[in-house]
Amino acid sequence: MTFSSNQSYESDAPWDDNGSDESQLAPQESQLPRARWYAVQVASGCEKRVKANIDQRKETLDVADRILQIAIPQTPAVKVRKDGARQNIEEKVFPGYVLIQMRMDDEVWQVVKNTPHVINFVGAEQKRRYGRGRGHVKPMPLSPSEVERIFKQTGEQEPVVKIDMDAGDKIVVLSGPFKDFEGEVIEVSPERSKLKALLSIFGRDTPVELEFNQVEKQS
């Protein structure tokens, strides 16, 4: 597929990497730019949809040799429900962003940029040479150390316990000796599935420890 030339970048494109080592590449590969990781901003909640679309588009538009990997960095977490049940989940490290390893050139840039729900590459905004208005964003690759840190973090991090309750939340007690009492959360202990709340007992605010499944957050 041929792309419109009026969307092309200028000659100082960030994917021009004359310092890459091509000595280990096959002849046809040595003509391609060096593979780098780039961050792409996408519409909130559309990370997986964008990944699937780019995976499909790179095959259809014959750029699979230049779009190599698409990643949505995630870390493990344990979500504690109101009844105390625990659910293993994955949390996005960078909500609203997708990381793509690619051999950047004009055609690849347009394949990614024109994918539905993609907002823009992360980079430096370039001013227009002529006229007024905003220029384009010049994609800037992530540094090797940054890429290593991101994937090391996602691979080694222990699951984080999460609960939809924080200090300051208003709660009502559902069961136990303080049933129907209302109070305010002062401390949450996800690893123990417990919290402390200030309840008004005999006219005095008293800290009481409760199980997660004994309380309900008030809206």
N, C-alpha and C. Protein backbone atom coordinates (compact mmCIF):
# COMPACT_ATOMS: atom_id res chain seq x y z
N MET A 1 0.84 -1.19 0.00
CA MET A 1 0.00 0.00 0.00
C MET A 1 0.88 1.24 0.00
N THR A 2 0.50 2.22 -0.82
CA THR A 2 1.27 3.46 -0.91
C THR A 2 0.65 4.51 0.00
N PHE A 3 1.47 5.20 0.74
CA PHE A 3 1.00 6.23 1.65
C PHE A 3 1.22 7.61 1.03
N SER A 4 0.39 8.55 1.45
CA SER A 4 0.49 9.93 0.95
C SER A 4 1.80 10.56 1.38
N SER A 5 2.51 11.15 0.47
CA SER A 5 3.82 11.72 0.79
C SER A 5 3.71 12.99 1.60
N ASN A 6 2.51 13.63 1.64
CA ASN A 6 2.42 14.89 2.38
C ASN A 6 2.41 14.69 3.88
N GLN A 7 2.42 13.42 4.35
CA GLN A 7 2.50 13.15 5.77
C GLN A 7 3.91 12.77 6.19
N SER A 8 4.82 12.85 5.26
CA SER A 8 6.17 12.40 5.55
C SER A 8 6.88 13.32 6.52
N TYR A 9 7.89 12.75 7.19
CA TYR A 9 8.73 13.53 8.07
C TYR A 9 9.85 14.17 7.27
N GLU A 10 10.49 15.14 7.90
CA GLU A 10 11.64 15.76 7.28
C GLU A 10 12.86 14.86 7.45
N SER A 11 13.94 15.22 6.86
CA SER A 11 15.11 14.34 6.79
C SER A 11 15.80 14.11 8.12
N ASP A 12 15.46 14.95 9.15
CA ASP A 12 16.11 14.75 10.44
C ASP A 12 15.29 13.82 11.33
N ALA A 13 14.65 12.82 10.73
CA ALA A 13 13.81 11.89 11.47
C ALA A 13 14.62 11.17 12.54
N PRO A 14 14.01 10.89 13.70
CA PRO A 14 14.74 10.30 14.81
C PRO A 14 15.16 8.86 14.56
N TRP A 15 14.57 8.24 13.54
CA TRP A 15 14.95 6.86 13.28
C TRP A 15 16.19 6.75 12.40
N ASP A 16 16.74 7.88 11.95
CA ASP A 16 18.01 7.85 11.23
C ASP A 16 19.11 7.53 12.22
N ASP A 17 19.62 6.31 12.21
CA ASP A 17 20.59 5.88 13.23
C ASP A 17 21.83 5.36 12.54
N ASN A 18 22.70 6.28 12.21
CA ASN A 18 23.91 5.89 11.48
C ASN A 18 24.92 5.16 12.36
N GLY A 19 24.67 5.20 13.68
CA GLY A 19 25.62 4.57 14.58
C GLY A 19 25.31 3.12 14.88
N SER A 20 24.28 2.56 14.27
CA SER A 20 23.92 1.17 14.58
C SER A 20 24.93 0.22 13.98
N ASP A 21 25.07 -0.93 14.64
CA ASP A 21 26.02 -1.93 14.20
C ASP A 21 25.32 -2.89 13.26
N GLU A 22 25.65 -2.83 11.96
CA GLU A 22 24.98 -3.67 10.96
C GLU A 22 25.85 -4.85 10.55
N SER A 23 26.96 -5.04 11.21
CA SER A 23 27.90 -6.08 10.79
C SER A 23 27.34 -7.48 10.97
N GLN A 24 26.36 -7.65 11.90
CA GLN A 24 25.83 -8.98 12.17
C GLN A 24 24.53 -9.23 11.41
N LEU A 25 24.07 -8.27 10.61
CA LEU A 25 22.80 -8.42 9.94
C LEU A 25 22.99 -9.01 8.55
N ALA A 26 21.93 -9.70 8.08
CA ALA A 26 21.92 -10.21 6.72
C ALA A 26 21.84 -9.02 5.77
N PRO A 27 22.25 -9.20 4.49
CA PRO A 27 22.28 -8.08 3.55
C PRO A 27 20.95 -7.32 3.49
N GLN A 28 19.79 -8.06 3.39
CA GLN A 28 18.53 -7.36 3.29
C GLN A 28 18.17 -6.65 4.58
N GLU A 29 18.62 -7.15 5.74
CA GLU A 29 18.32 -6.53 7.01
C GLU A 29 19.17 -5.30 7.26
N SER A 30 20.37 -5.28 6.65
CA SER A 30 21.28 -4.16 6.90
C SER A 30 20.75 -2.86 6.32
N GLN A 31 19.74 -2.95 5.43
CA GLN A 31 19.16 -1.74 4.86
C GLN A 31 18.10 -1.14 5.78
N LEU A 32 17.70 -1.87 6.81
CA LEU A 32 16.65 -1.40 7.70
C LEU A 32 17.24 -0.62 8.87
N PRO A 33 16.48 0.33 9.40
CA PRO A 33 16.95 1.07 10.58
C PRO A 33 17.08 0.14 11.78
N ARG A 34 17.80 0.58 12.76
CA ARG A 34 18.00 -0.18 13.98
C ARG A 34 16.68 -0.32 14.75
N ALA A 35 16.43 -1.49 15.32
CA ALA A 35 15.22 -1.72 16.11
C ALA A 35 15.32 -0.99 17.44
N ARG A 36 14.33 -0.17 17.73
CA ARG A 36 14.27 0.58 18.99
C ARG A 36 12.87 0.47 19.58
N TRP A 37 12.75 0.74 20.88
CA TRP A 37 11.45 0.75 21.55
C TRP A 37 10.92 2.19 21.59
N TYR A 38 9.63 2.35 21.28
CA TYR A 38 8.97 3.64 21.33
C TYR A 38 7.70 3.53 22.17
N ALA A 39 7.33 4.62 22.83
CA ALA A 39 6.08 4.68 23.60
C ALA A 39 5.03 5.40 22.77
N VAL A 40 3.84 4.83 22.75
CA VAL A 40 2.74 5.41 21.98
C VAL A 40 1.57 5.67 22.92
N GLN A 41 1.06 6.89 22.90
CA GLN A 41 -0.10 7.23 23.72
C GLN A 41 -1.37 6.80 23.00
N VAL A 42 -2.28 6.15 23.73
CA VAL A 42 -3.52 5.65 23.14
C VAL A 42 -4.70 6.11 24.00
N ALA A 43 -5.90 5.96 23.46
CA ALA A 43 -7.10 6.33 24.21
C ALA A 43 -7.22 5.45 25.45
N SER A 44 -7.71 6.04 26.54
CA SER A 44 -7.81 5.34 27.81
C SER A 44 -8.65 4.06 27.67
N GLY A 45 -8.10 2.97 28.16
CA GLY A 45 -8.81 1.70 28.13
C GLY A 45 -8.71 0.95 26.81
N CYS A 46 -7.97 1.50 25.84
CA CYS A 46 -7.90 0.88 24.51
C CYS A 46 -6.55 0.22 24.23
N GLU A 47 -5.75 0.00 25.27
CA GLU A 47 -4.40 -0.54 25.07
C GLU A 47 -4.43 -1.89 24.33
N LYS A 48 -5.26 -2.82 24.79
CA LYS A 48 -5.31 -4.16 24.17
C LYS A 48 -5.89 -4.09 22.76
N ARG A 49 -6.85 -3.20 22.57
CA ARG A 49 -7.45 -3.06 21.24
C ARG A 49 -6.42 -2.53 20.25
N VAL A 50 -5.63 -1.55 20.68
CA VAL A 50 -4.59 -1.00 19.81
C VAL A 50 -3.56 -2.06 19.48
N LYS A 51 -3.14 -2.83 20.48
CA LYS A 51 -2.16 -3.89 20.24
C LYS A 51 -2.66 -4.88 19.20
N ALA A 52 -3.92 -5.30 19.34
CA ALA A 52 -4.49 -6.25 18.38
C ALA A 52 -4.59 -5.65 16.98
N ASN A 53 -4.97 -4.36 16.91
CA ASN A 53 -5.09 -3.71 15.60
C ASN A 53 -3.74 -3.58 14.90
N ILE A 54 -2.71 -3.20 15.67
CA ILE A 54 -1.39 -3.05 15.05
C ILE A 54 -0.84 -4.41 14.62
N ASP A 55 -1.08 -5.44 15.43
CA ASP A 55 -0.65 -6.80 15.04
C ASP A 55 -1.28 -7.20 13.71
N GLN A 56 -2.53 -6.83 13.52
CA GLN A 56 -3.22 -7.15 12.28
C GLN A 56 -2.73 -6.28 11.12
N ARG A 57 -2.60 -4.99 11.39
CA ARG A 57 -2.20 -4.05 10.34
C ARG A 57 -0.79 -4.29 9.84
N LYS A 58 0.12 -4.71 10.74
CA LYS A 58 1.50 -4.90 10.30
C LYS A 58 1.61 -6.05 9.29
N GLU A 59 0.69 -7.03 9.39
CA GLU A 59 0.68 -8.14 8.42
C GLU A 59 0.01 -7.68 7.12
N THR A 60 -1.14 -7.03 7.27
CA THR A 60 -1.89 -6.58 6.09
C THR A 60 -1.09 -5.58 5.25
N LEU A 61 -0.36 -4.68 5.93
CA LEU A 61 0.38 -3.63 5.23
C LEU A 61 1.85 -4.00 4.99
N ASP A 62 2.19 -5.24 5.28
CA ASP A 62 3.51 -5.79 4.94
C ASP A 62 4.66 -5.03 5.61
N VAL A 63 4.52 -4.79 6.92
CA VAL A 63 5.62 -4.15 7.66
C VAL A 63 5.99 -4.99 8.90
N ALA A 64 5.66 -6.27 8.86
CA ALA A 64 5.95 -7.14 10.00
C ALA A 64 7.45 -7.28 10.25
N ASP A 65 8.26 -6.99 9.24
CA ASP A 65 9.71 -7.05 9.42
C ASP A 65 10.24 -5.82 10.13
N ARG A 66 9.37 -4.81 10.31
CA ARG A 66 9.80 -3.56 10.96
C ARG A 66 9.06 -3.28 12.27
N ILE A 67 7.86 -3.82 12.43
CA ILE A 67 7.16 -3.75 13.72
C ILE A 67 7.34 -5.11 14.38
N LEU A 68 8.24 -5.16 15.36
CA LEU A 68 8.70 -6.45 15.87
C LEU A 68 7.94 -6.93 17.10
N GLN A 69 7.73 -6.06 18.07
CA GLN A 69 7.04 -6.45 19.30
C GLN A 69 6.14 -5.32 19.77
N ILE A 70 5.01 -5.71 20.36
CA ILE A 70 4.10 -4.74 20.96
C ILE A 70 3.83 -5.20 22.38
N ALA A 71 4.07 -4.31 23.35
CA ALA A 71 3.97 -4.71 24.76
C ALA A 71 3.10 -3.74 25.55
N ILE A 72 2.34 -4.32 26.48
CA ILE A 72 1.59 -3.54 27.46
C ILE A 72 2.11 -3.98 28.83
N PRO A 73 3.14 -3.30 29.36
CA PRO A 73 3.74 -3.73 30.62
C PRO A 73 2.71 -3.79 31.75
N GLN A 74 2.70 -4.94 32.44
CA GLN A 74 1.75 -5.14 33.53
C GLN A 74 2.46 -5.79 34.72
N THR A 75 1.92 -5.54 35.90
CA THR A 75 2.44 -6.17 37.11
C THR A 75 1.31 -6.93 37.79
N PRO A 76 1.65 -8.02 38.50
CA PRO A 76 0.60 -8.80 39.17
C PRO A 76 0.07 -8.08 40.39
N ALA A 77 -1.20 -8.30 40.67
CA ALA A 77 -1.83 -7.72 41.85
C ALA A 77 -2.92 -8.67 42.34
N VAL A 78 -3.28 -8.52 43.59
CA VAL A 78 -4.36 -9.30 44.18
C VAL A 78 -5.44 -8.33 44.62
N LYS A 79 -6.64 -8.47 44.05
CA LYS A 79 -7.75 -7.59 44.40
C LYS A 79 -8.61 -8.26 45.45
N VAL A 80 -8.81 -7.57 46.56
CA VAL A 80 -9.64 -8.08 47.65
C VAL A 80 -11.04 -7.52 47.48
N ARG A 81 -12.03 -8.41 47.35
CA ARG A 81 -13.41 -7.97 47.17
C ARG A 81 -14.04 -7.67 48.53
N LYS A 82 -15.27 -7.14 48.49
CA LYS A 82 -15.95 -6.77 49.72
C LYS A 82 -16.19 -7.98 50.63
N ASP A 83 -16.40 -9.17 50.02
CA ASP A 83 -16.66 -10.37 50.83
C ASP A 83 -15.37 -11.03 51.30
N GLY A 84 -14.22 -10.41 51.04
CA GLY A 84 -12.94 -10.95 51.48
C GLY A 84 -12.28 -11.87 50.48
N ALA A 85 -13.01 -12.24 49.40
CA ALA A 85 -12.43 -13.11 48.37
C ALA A 85 -11.33 -12.38 47.63
N ARG A 86 -10.31 -13.14 47.21
CA ARG A 86 -9.16 -12.56 46.52
C ARG A 86 -9.14 -12.99 45.06
N GLN A 87 -8.81 -12.05 44.20
CA GLN A 87 -8.77 -12.30 42.76
C GLN A 87 -7.42 -11.84 42.21
N ASN A 88 -6.74 -12.73 41.50
CA ASN A 88 -5.47 -12.38 40.87
C ASN A 88 -5.74 -11.56 39.60
N ILE A 89 -5.12 -10.40 39.51
CA ILE A 89 -5.32 -9.53 38.36
C ILE A 89 -3.97 -9.02 37.86
N GLU A 90 -3.98 -8.36 36.71
CA GLU A 90 -2.80 -7.70 36.18
C GLU A 90 -3.10 -6.21 36.07
N GLU A 91 -2.18 -5.39 36.57
CA GLU A 91 -2.36 -3.94 36.50
C GLU A 91 -1.37 -3.33 35.50
N LYS A 92 -1.87 -2.44 34.66
CA LYS A 92 -1.01 -1.77 33.69
C LYS A 92 -0.04 -0.84 34.40
N VAL A 93 1.23 -0.91 34.02
CA VAL A 93 2.24 -0.02 34.59
C VAL A 93 2.06 1.40 34.07
N PHE A 94 1.73 1.52 32.77
CA PHE A 94 1.55 2.84 32.15
C PHE A 94 0.18 2.88 31.47
N PRO A 95 -0.89 3.09 32.23
CA PRO A 95 -2.22 3.16 31.60
C PRO A 95 -2.25 4.24 30.53
N GLY A 96 -2.82 3.90 29.38
CA GLY A 96 -2.89 4.87 28.29
C GLY A 96 -1.70 4.86 27.37
N TYR A 97 -0.79 3.88 27.54
CA TYR A 97 0.39 3.81 26.68
C TYR A 97 0.66 2.36 26.26
N VAL A 98 1.22 2.22 25.06
CA VAL A 98 1.65 0.94 24.53
C VAL A 98 3.10 1.10 24.09
N LEU A 99 3.93 0.10 24.36
CA LEU A 99 5.32 0.14 23.91
C LEU A 99 5.48 -0.72 22.66
N ILE A 100 6.18 -0.18 21.68
CA ILE A 100 6.36 -0.90 20.41
C ILE A 100 7.84 -0.91 20.03
N GLN A 101 8.35 -2.11 19.77
CA GLN A 101 9.72 -2.24 19.25
C GLN A 101 9.64 -2.28 17.74
N MET A 102 10.29 -1.32 17.10
CA MET A 102 10.17 -1.23 15.64
C MET A 102 11.44 -0.69 15.00
N ARG A 103 11.56 -0.96 13.73
CA ARG A 103 12.59 -0.36 12.90
C ARG A 103 11.91 0.83 12.21
N MET A 104 12.03 1.98 12.83
CA MET A 104 11.23 3.15 12.44
C MET A 104 11.62 3.71 11.08
N ASP A 105 10.62 3.91 10.25
CA ASP A 105 10.77 4.67 9.02
C ASP A 105 9.43 5.35 8.75
N ASP A 106 9.32 6.07 7.66
CA ASP A 106 8.12 6.85 7.38
C ASP A 106 6.88 5.97 7.27
N GLU A 107 7.02 4.83 6.59
CA GLU A 107 5.87 3.95 6.38
C GLU A 107 5.38 3.35 7.69
N VAL A 108 6.33 2.88 8.51
CA VAL A 108 5.97 2.29 9.80
C VAL A 108 5.32 3.34 10.71
N TRP A 109 5.87 4.55 10.70
CA TRP A 109 5.29 5.63 11.51
C TRP A 109 3.82 5.83 11.16
N GLN A 110 3.51 5.82 9.88
CA GLN A 110 2.13 6.06 9.46
C GLN A 110 1.22 4.87 9.78
N VAL A 111 1.74 3.66 9.68
CA VAL A 111 0.94 2.48 10.04
C VAL A 111 0.49 2.57 11.50
N VAL A 112 1.42 2.92 12.37
CA VAL A 112 1.09 3.03 13.79
C VAL A 112 0.23 4.25 14.06
N LYS A 113 0.64 5.41 13.53
CA LYS A 113 -0.07 6.67 13.82
C LYS A 113 -1.51 6.62 13.35
N ASN A 114 -1.81 5.92 12.25
CA ASN A 114 -3.16 5.89 11.70
C ASN A 114 -4.00 4.74 12.24
N THR A 115 -3.48 4.01 13.21
CA THR A 115 -4.25 2.94 13.84
C THR A 115 -5.34 3.56 14.72
N PRO A 116 -6.57 3.06 14.65
CA PRO A 116 -7.64 3.60 15.49
C PRO A 116 -7.27 3.61 16.98
N HIS A 117 -7.62 4.69 17.65
CA HIS A 117 -7.41 4.90 19.09
C HIS A 117 -5.97 5.28 19.45
N VAL A 118 -5.09 5.39 18.45
CA VAL A 118 -3.74 5.89 18.73
C VAL A 118 -3.79 7.42 18.73
N ILE A 119 -3.23 8.04 19.77
CA ILE A 119 -3.21 9.49 19.87
C ILE A 119 -1.94 10.06 19.25
N ASN A 120 -0.78 9.58 19.72
CA ASN A 120 0.48 10.05 19.15
C ASN A 120 1.64 9.30 19.78
N PHE A 121 2.78 9.42 19.15
CA PHE A 121 4.01 8.92 19.74
C PHE A 121 4.44 9.85 20.86
N VAL A 122 5.20 9.31 21.80
CA VAL A 122 5.82 10.14 22.82
C VAL A 122 7.12 10.68 22.23
N GLY A 123 7.31 11.98 22.30
CA GLY A 123 8.52 12.55 21.72
C GLY A 123 8.58 14.05 21.92
N ALA A 124 9.26 14.71 21.03
CA ALA A 124 9.43 16.16 21.11
C ALA A 124 8.63 16.83 20.00
N GLU A 125 7.87 17.84 20.38
CA GLU A 125 7.07 18.54 19.37
C GLU A 125 7.96 19.42 18.51
N GLN A 126 7.80 19.28 17.20
CA GLN A 126 8.57 20.06 16.24
C GLN A 126 7.73 21.21 15.70
N LYS A 127 8.30 22.40 15.64
CA LYS A 127 7.58 23.55 15.10
C LYS A 127 7.46 23.45 13.59
N ARG A 128 6.39 24.02 13.08
CA ARG A 128 6.19 24.05 11.63
C ARG A 128 7.21 24.99 11.00
N ARG A 129 7.71 24.62 9.82
CA ARG A 129 8.65 25.49 9.12
C ARG A 129 7.96 26.74 8.60
N TYR A 130 6.69 26.56 8.17
CA TYR A 130 5.97 27.68 7.59
C TYR A 130 4.60 27.78 8.23
N GLY A 131 4.06 28.97 8.30
CA GLY A 131 2.71 29.17 8.79
C GLY A 131 2.60 29.02 10.30
N ARG A 132 1.37 29.01 10.75
CA ARG A 132 1.11 28.92 12.17
C ARG A 132 0.54 27.56 12.52
N GLY A 133 0.36 27.34 13.81
CA GLY A 133 -0.22 26.08 14.26
C GLY A 133 0.82 25.14 14.83
N ARG A 134 0.33 24.08 15.41
CA ARG A 134 1.22 23.10 16.02
C ARG A 134 1.93 22.27 14.97
N GLY A 135 3.14 21.88 15.28
CA GLY A 135 3.88 21.01 14.37
C GLY A 135 3.58 19.56 14.69
N HIS A 136 4.44 18.65 14.22
CA HIS A 136 4.23 17.24 14.52
C HIS A 136 5.10 16.83 15.70
N VAL A 137 4.79 15.70 16.27
CA VAL A 137 5.59 15.15 17.37
C VAL A 137 6.63 14.22 16.79
N LYS A 138 7.87 14.50 17.08
CA LYS A 138 8.98 13.69 16.59
C LYS A 138 9.21 12.54 17.57
N PRO A 139 8.90 11.30 17.18
CA PRO A 139 9.05 10.18 18.11
C PRO A 139 10.48 10.04 18.62
N MET A 140 10.64 9.84 19.91
CA MET A 140 11.96 9.64 20.50
C MET A 140 12.02 8.26 21.11
N PRO A 141 13.01 7.45 20.74
CA PRO A 141 13.10 6.09 21.28
C PRO A 141 13.47 6.08 22.76
N LEU A 142 13.01 5.04 23.44
CA LEU A 142 13.39 4.85 24.83
C LEU A 142 14.85 4.41 24.89
N SER A 143 15.54 4.79 25.95
CA SER A 143 16.94 4.36 26.10
C SER A 143 16.98 2.88 26.49
N PRO A 144 18.05 2.17 26.12
CA PRO A 144 18.17 0.75 26.50
C PRO A 144 18.03 0.53 28.00
N SER A 145 18.58 1.43 28.82
CA SER A 145 18.49 1.27 30.27
C SER A 145 17.05 1.42 30.75
N GLU A 146 16.30 2.31 30.10
CA GLU A 146 14.89 2.51 30.48
C GLU A 146 14.07 1.28 30.11
N VAL A 147 14.32 0.73 28.95
CA VAL A 147 13.61 -0.48 28.52
C VAL A 147 13.91 -1.64 29.47
N GLU A 148 15.19 -1.79 29.82
CA GLU A 148 15.59 -2.86 30.73
C GLU A 148 14.91 -2.71 32.08
N ARG A 149 14.85 -1.48 32.58
CA ARG A 149 14.23 -1.23 33.88
C ARG A 149 12.74 -1.57 33.86
N ILE A 150 12.05 -1.19 32.79
CA ILE A 150 10.61 -1.44 32.69
C ILE A 150 10.31 -2.93 32.70
N PHE A 151 11.01 -3.69 31.86
CA PHE A 151 10.70 -5.12 31.76
C PHE A 151 11.23 -5.91 32.95
N LYS A 152 12.28 -5.42 33.58
CA LYS A 152 12.76 -6.07 34.80
C LYS A 152 11.74 -5.87 35.92
N GLN A 153 11.17 -4.68 35.98
CA GLN A 153 10.17 -4.38 37.00
C GLN A 153 8.94 -5.27 36.84
N THR A 154 8.48 -5.44 35.62
CA THR A 154 7.28 -6.24 35.40
C THR A 154 7.54 -7.72 35.62
N GLY A 155 8.78 -8.15 35.45
CA GLY A 155 9.09 -9.57 35.61
C GLY A 155 9.37 -10.00 37.03
N GLU A 156 9.79 -9.06 37.88
CA GLU A 156 10.23 -9.44 39.22
C GLU A 156 9.31 -8.96 40.35
N GLN A 157 8.42 -8.05 40.07
CA GLN A 157 7.62 -7.46 41.15
C GLN A 157 6.66 -8.47 41.77
N GLU A 158 6.61 -8.49 43.09
CA GLU A 158 5.67 -9.34 43.81
C GLU A 158 4.26 -8.75 43.69
N PRO A 159 3.23 -9.62 43.72
CA PRO A 159 1.85 -9.13 43.62
C PRO A 159 1.52 -8.11 44.71
N VAL A 160 0.88 -7.04 44.33
CA VAL A 160 0.45 -6.00 45.26
C VAL A 160 -1.01 -6.24 45.61
N VAL A 161 -1.34 -6.20 46.89
CA VAL A 161 -2.72 -6.40 47.32
C VAL A 161 -3.48 -5.08 47.19
N LYS A 162 -4.62 -5.11 46.50
CA LYS A 162 -5.41 -3.91 46.26
C LYS A 162 -6.81 -4.07 46.83
N ILE A 163 -7.35 -3.01 47.38
CA ILE A 163 -8.73 -3.01 47.85
C ILE A 163 -9.33 -1.64 47.57
N ASP A 164 -10.61 -1.64 47.26
CA ASP A 164 -11.28 -0.40 46.91
C ASP A 164 -11.72 0.34 48.18
N MET A 165 -10.76 0.63 49.04
CA MET A 165 -11.05 1.36 50.26
C MET A 165 -9.78 2.03 50.75
N ASP A 166 -9.88 3.28 51.17
CA ASP A 166 -8.73 4.04 51.61
C ASP A 166 -9.06 4.81 52.88
N ALA A 167 -8.01 5.26 53.57
CA ALA A 167 -8.20 6.10 54.75
C ALA A 167 -9.02 7.33 54.37
N GLY A 168 -10.00 7.65 55.20
CA GLY A 168 -10.87 8.78 54.92
C GLY A 168 -12.22 8.38 54.36
N ASP A 169 -12.33 7.13 53.84
CA ASP A 169 -13.62 6.67 53.30
C ASP A 169 -14.63 6.47 54.42
N LYS A 170 -15.88 6.77 54.14
CA LYS A 170 -16.97 6.54 55.08
C LYS A 170 -17.51 5.12 54.90
N ILE A 171 -17.72 4.41 56.01
CA ILE A 171 -18.20 3.03 55.93
C ILE A 171 -19.35 2.83 56.90
N VAL A 172 -20.08 1.74 56.63
CA VAL A 172 -21.11 1.28 57.56
C VAL A 172 -20.82 -0.19 57.87
N VAL A 173 -20.97 -0.58 59.12
CA VAL A 173 -20.68 -1.95 59.55
C VAL A 173 -21.89 -2.83 59.25
N LEU A 174 -21.65 -3.97 58.59
CA LEU A 174 -22.73 -4.86 58.17
C LEU A 174 -23.00 -6.00 59.14
N SER A 175 -21.99 -6.38 59.93
CA SER A 175 -22.18 -7.54 60.82
C SER A 175 -21.30 -7.39 62.05
N GLY A 176 -21.54 -8.24 63.04
CA GLY A 176 -20.75 -8.20 64.26
C GLY A 176 -21.38 -7.30 65.31
N PRO A 177 -20.69 -7.11 66.42
CA PRO A 177 -21.25 -6.34 67.55
C PRO A 177 -21.50 -4.87 67.21
N PHE A 178 -20.87 -4.36 66.13
CA PHE A 178 -21.04 -2.95 65.78
C PHE A 178 -21.92 -2.78 64.53
N LYS A 179 -22.75 -3.77 64.27
CA LYS A 179 -23.61 -3.72 63.09
C LYS A 179 -24.43 -2.42 63.07
N ASP A 180 -24.51 -1.82 61.88
CA ASP A 180 -25.25 -0.58 61.60
C ASP A 180 -24.53 0.67 62.10
N PHE A 181 -23.35 0.51 62.76
CA PHE A 181 -22.57 1.68 63.13
C PHE A 181 -21.94 2.27 61.87
N GLU A 182 -21.83 3.59 61.83
CA GLU A 182 -21.14 4.26 60.74
C GLU A 182 -19.83 4.85 61.25
N GLY A 183 -18.85 4.95 60.35
CA GLY A 183 -17.56 5.47 60.78
C GLY A 183 -16.69 5.88 59.61
N GLU A 184 -15.44 6.16 59.94
CA GLU A 184 -14.47 6.59 58.93
C GLU A 184 -13.22 5.73 59.00
N VAL A 185 -12.75 5.26 57.84
CA VAL A 185 -11.56 4.42 57.78
C VAL A 185 -10.32 5.25 58.14
N ILE A 186 -9.48 4.71 59.02
CA ILE A 186 -8.24 5.41 59.38
C ILE A 186 -7.00 4.62 58.96
N GLU A 187 -7.16 3.32 58.68
CA GLU A 187 -6.01 2.50 58.28
C GLU A 187 -6.51 1.26 57.56
N VAL A 188 -5.82 0.89 56.48
CA VAL A 188 -6.18 -0.30 55.71
C VAL A 188 -5.00 -1.26 55.70
N SER A 189 -5.25 -2.54 56.00
CA SER A 189 -4.20 -3.57 56.00
C SER A 189 -4.60 -4.67 55.02
N PRO A 190 -4.33 -4.48 53.71
CA PRO A 190 -4.76 -5.45 52.70
C PRO A 190 -4.20 -6.84 52.94
N GLU A 191 -2.93 -6.93 53.41
CA GLU A 191 -2.32 -8.25 53.61
C GLU A 191 -3.04 -9.05 54.69
N ARG A 192 -3.76 -8.38 55.58
CA ARG A 192 -4.50 -9.06 56.65
C ARG A 192 -6.01 -9.06 56.40
N SER A 193 -6.43 -8.44 55.29
CA SER A 193 -7.85 -8.32 54.96
C SER A 193 -8.62 -7.64 56.09
N LYS A 194 -7.98 -6.63 56.70
CA LYS A 194 -8.62 -5.91 57.80
C LYS A 194 -8.40 -4.41 57.64
N LEU A 195 -9.22 -3.65 58.39
CA LEU A 195 -9.05 -2.20 58.42
C LEU A 195 -9.40 -1.69 59.82
N LYS A 196 -8.96 -0.48 60.09
CA LYS A 196 -9.34 0.20 61.32
C LYS A 196 -10.22 1.38 60.96
N ALA A 197 -11.29 1.55 61.75
CA ALA A 197 -12.20 2.65 61.51
C ALA A 197 -12.56 3.31 62.83
N LEU A 198 -12.82 4.60 62.76
CA LEU A 198 -13.31 5.33 63.94
C LEU A 198 -14.82 5.24 63.98
N LEU A 199 -15.34 4.59 65.03
CA LEU A 199 -16.78 4.48 65.22
C LEU A 199 -17.17 5.30 66.45
N SER A 200 -18.33 5.92 66.40
CA SER A 200 -18.80 6.70 67.55
C SER A 200 -19.49 5.75 68.53
N ILE A 201 -18.79 5.44 69.63
CA ILE A 201 -19.31 4.53 70.64
C ILE A 201 -19.46 5.31 71.95
N PHE A 202 -20.68 5.33 72.46
CA PHE A 202 -20.98 6.11 73.67
C PHE A 202 -20.55 7.57 73.52
N GLY A 203 -20.74 8.08 72.30
CA GLY A 203 -20.45 9.49 72.07
C GLY A 203 -18.99 9.81 71.88
N ARG A 204 -18.15 8.78 71.81
CA ARG A 204 -16.71 9.03 71.62
C ARG A 204 -16.22 8.27 70.39
N ASP A 205 -15.33 8.91 69.61
CA ASP A 205 -14.72 8.24 68.46
C ASP A 205 -13.74 7.19 68.95
N THR A 206 -14.01 5.93 68.60
CA THR A 206 -13.20 4.82 69.09
C THR A 206 -12.66 4.02 67.90
N PRO A 207 -11.34 3.77 67.85
CA PRO A 207 -10.80 2.95 66.76
C PRO A 207 -11.17 1.48 66.94
N VAL A 208 -11.71 0.88 65.90
CA VAL A 208 -12.14 -0.52 65.94
C VAL A 208 -11.58 -1.25 64.72
N GLU A 209 -11.05 -2.44 64.92
CA GLU A 209 -10.53 -3.25 63.81
C GLU A 209 -11.65 -4.13 63.28
N LEU A 210 -11.80 -4.14 61.97
CA LEU A 210 -12.88 -4.88 61.33
C LEU A 210 -12.35 -5.66 60.13
N GLU A 211 -13.04 -6.75 59.80
CA GLU A 211 -12.73 -7.50 58.59
C GLU A 211 -13.31 -6.76 57.38
N PHE A 212 -12.66 -6.94 56.22
CA PHE A 212 -13.17 -6.30 55.02
C PHE A 212 -14.63 -6.66 54.76
N ASN A 213 -14.97 -7.96 54.99
CA ASN A 213 -16.33 -8.38 54.68
C ASN A 213 -17.36 -7.97 55.72
N GLN A 214 -16.93 -7.21 56.74
CA GLN A 214 -17.85 -6.72 57.75
C GLN A 214 -18.34 -5.31 57.44
N VAL A 215 -17.74 -4.67 56.46
CA VAL A 215 -18.08 -3.28 56.19
C VAL A 215 -18.46 -3.04 54.74
N GLU A 216 -19.08 -1.91 54.51
CA GLU A 216 -19.42 -1.50 53.15
C GLU A 216 -19.11 -0.02 53.02
N LYS A 217 -18.47 0.35 51.91
CA LYS A 217 -18.14 1.76 51.70
C LYS A 217 -19.38 2.53 51.29
N GLN A 218 -19.57 3.68 51.90
CA GLN A 218 -20.70 4.53 51.58
C GLN A 218 -20.35 5.44 50.42
N SER A 219 -21.31 5.65 49.54
CA SER A 219 -21.05 6.49 48.37
C SER A 219 -21.16 7.96 48.75
